[in-house]
Amino acid sequence: MTAEELEQIEVSNKEAQEAIDKGEALKRLLANPDYKLIISEGFMKNYPEELGVAIATNTGAYDTDALVNLLKGINSFVGYTFQVAQNGMAGEQTLRDNEAYIASQEEQEDKE
């Protein structure tokens, strides 16, 4: 295995570990009771319900487009958290793949 390959693997592993660390931090955050109360239940469940009711029963007192934009913002946050989780899982796979590649290269070198 060349020095360049090893360097690329090291960079790949570092990036993968950073994604894994963020994914693990997200898992801890999601399990936190305060997060559940304020974000999961409040911001991502109760607040959208309130916005939906305000939109559905709007008699002109609210700017419907502004309320819809708030819902889109909530959805962006949800999308971001899914991306962090996906990146963490991809990072785990990258580490496994890199480890397997190194092992196969070492095995091949041993045969030569």
Protein backbone atom coordinates (compact mmCIF):
# COMPACT_ATOMS: atom_id res chain seq x y z
CA MET A 1 0.00 0.00 0.00
CA THR A 2 1.38 3.39 -0.96
CA ALA A 3 1.93 6.31 1.37
CA GLU A 4 -0.63 8.26 -0.65
CA GLU A 5 -3.25 5.55 -0.14
CA LEU A 6 -2.56 5.48 3.59
CA GLU A 7 -2.85 9.26 3.75
CA GLN A 8 -6.18 9.17 1.90
CA ILE A 9 -7.47 6.49 4.26
CA GLU A 10 -6.37 8.52 7.28
CA VAL A 11 -8.22 11.59 5.98
CA SER A 12 -11.26 9.46 5.20
CA ASN A 13 -11.18 7.91 8.68
CA LYS A 14 -10.86 11.32 10.32
CA GLU A 15 -13.88 12.67 8.41
CA ALA A 16 -15.82 9.50 9.14
CA GLN A 17 -15.03 9.75 12.86
CA GLU A 18 -16.21 13.36 12.94
CA ALA A 19 -19.53 12.30 11.38
CA ILE A 20 -19.80 9.41 13.86
CA ASP A 21 -19.11 11.76 16.77
CA LYS A 22 -21.91 14.08 15.62
CA GLY A 23 -24.25 11.12 15.18
CA GLU A 24 -23.47 9.91 18.70
CA ALA A 25 -24.00 13.43 20.07
CA LEU A 26 -27.38 13.51 18.32
CA LYS A 27 -28.33 10.17 19.92
CA ARG A 28 -27.46 11.54 23.36
CA LEU A 29 -29.36 14.73 22.66
CA LEU A 30 -32.47 12.87 21.49
CA ALA A 31 -32.46 10.82 24.68
CA ASN A 32 -32.22 13.91 26.91
CA PRO A 33 -35.51 14.56 28.77
CA ASP A 34 -35.21 18.33 28.32
CA TYR A 35 -34.73 17.88 24.58
CA LYS A 36 -37.77 15.63 24.47
CA LEU A 37 -39.87 18.17 26.38
CA ILE A 38 -38.81 21.32 24.54
CA ILE A 39 -37.87 20.15 21.06
CA SER A 40 -39.47 16.77 20.34
CA GLU A 41 -42.79 17.44 22.03
CA GLY A 42 -42.91 21.24 22.00
CA PHE A 43 -41.24 22.41 18.81
CA MET A 44 -41.76 19.39 16.56
CA LYS A 45 -45.20 18.21 17.73
CA ASN A 46 -47.26 20.79 19.64
CA TYR A 47 -46.08 23.89 17.81
CA PRO A 48 -46.77 22.48 14.30
CA GLU A 49 -50.22 21.42 15.50
CA GLU A 50 -50.88 24.96 16.70
CA LEU A 51 -49.65 26.35 13.39
CA GLY A 52 -51.83 23.92 11.47
CA VAL A 53 -54.91 24.92 13.45
CA ALA A 54 -54.09 28.60 12.95
CA ILE A 55 -53.78 28.04 9.20
CA ALA A 56 -56.94 25.94 8.98
CA THR A 57 -59.09 28.34 10.98
CA ASN A 58 -57.54 31.55 9.69
CA THR A 59 -60.09 34.29 9.21
CA GLY A 60 -57.51 36.80 8.05
CA ALA A 61 -55.99 37.48 11.45
CA TYR A 62 -52.79 35.63 10.54
CA ASP A 63 -50.41 35.77 7.61
CA THR A 64 -50.89 32.23 6.29
CA ASP A 65 -47.71 32.34 4.21
CA ALA A 66 -45.67 33.27 7.29
CA LEU A 67 -47.19 30.36 9.23
CA VAL A 68 -46.42 27.96 6.39
CA ASN A 69 -42.83 29.24 6.36
CA LEU A 70 -42.58 28.42 10.06
CA LEU A 71 -43.68 24.87 9.28
CA LYS A 72 -41.05 24.67 6.53
CA GLY A 73 -38.44 25.79 9.05
CA ILE A 74 -39.42 22.99 11.40
CA ASN A 75 -39.14 20.56 8.50
CA SER A 76 -35.66 21.88 7.69
CA PHE A 77 -34.58 21.17 11.26
CA VAL A 78 -35.98 17.64 11.04
CA GLY A 79 -34.14 17.14 7.75
CA TYR A 80 -30.90 18.33 9.29
CA THR A 81 -31.16 15.87 12.18
CA PHE A 82 -31.84 13.03 9.73
CA GLN A 83 -28.77 14.07 7.74
CA VAL A 84 -26.58 14.05 10.86
CA ALA A 85 -27.84 10.55 11.68
CA GLN A 86 -27.28 9.31 8.12
CA ASN A 87 -23.79 10.81 8.02
CA GLY A 88 -22.96 9.01 11.26
CA MET A 89 -24.07 5.68 9.85
CA ALA A 90 -22.14 6.35 6.63
CA GLY A 91 -19.07 7.18 8.71
CA GLU A 92 -19.34 3.85 10.51
CA GLN A 93 -19.52 2.07 7.17
CA THR A 94 -16.51 4.02 5.88
CA LEU A 95 -14.43 2.94 8.86
CA ARG A 96 -15.44 -0.70 8.32
CA ASP A 97 -14.69 -0.48 4.60
CA ASN A 98 -11.30 1.15 5.16
CA GLU A 99 -10.38 -1.43 7.78
CA ALA A 100 -11.33 -4.26 5.42
CA TYR A 101 -9.36 -2.66 2.58
CA ILE A 102 -6.24 -2.32 4.73
CA ALA A 103 -6.57 -5.92 5.89
CA SER A 104 -6.95 -7.18 2.32
CA GLN A 105 -3.91 -5.17 1.21
CA GLU A 106 -1.82 -6.52 4.08
CA GLU A 107 -2.95 -10.06 3.27
CA GLN A 108 -2.03 -9.55 -0.36
CA GLU A 109 1.38 -8.15 0.60
CA ASP A 110 1.99 -11.15 2.87
CA LYS A 111 1.34 -13.50 -0.07
CA GLU A 112 3.85 -11.70 -2.26
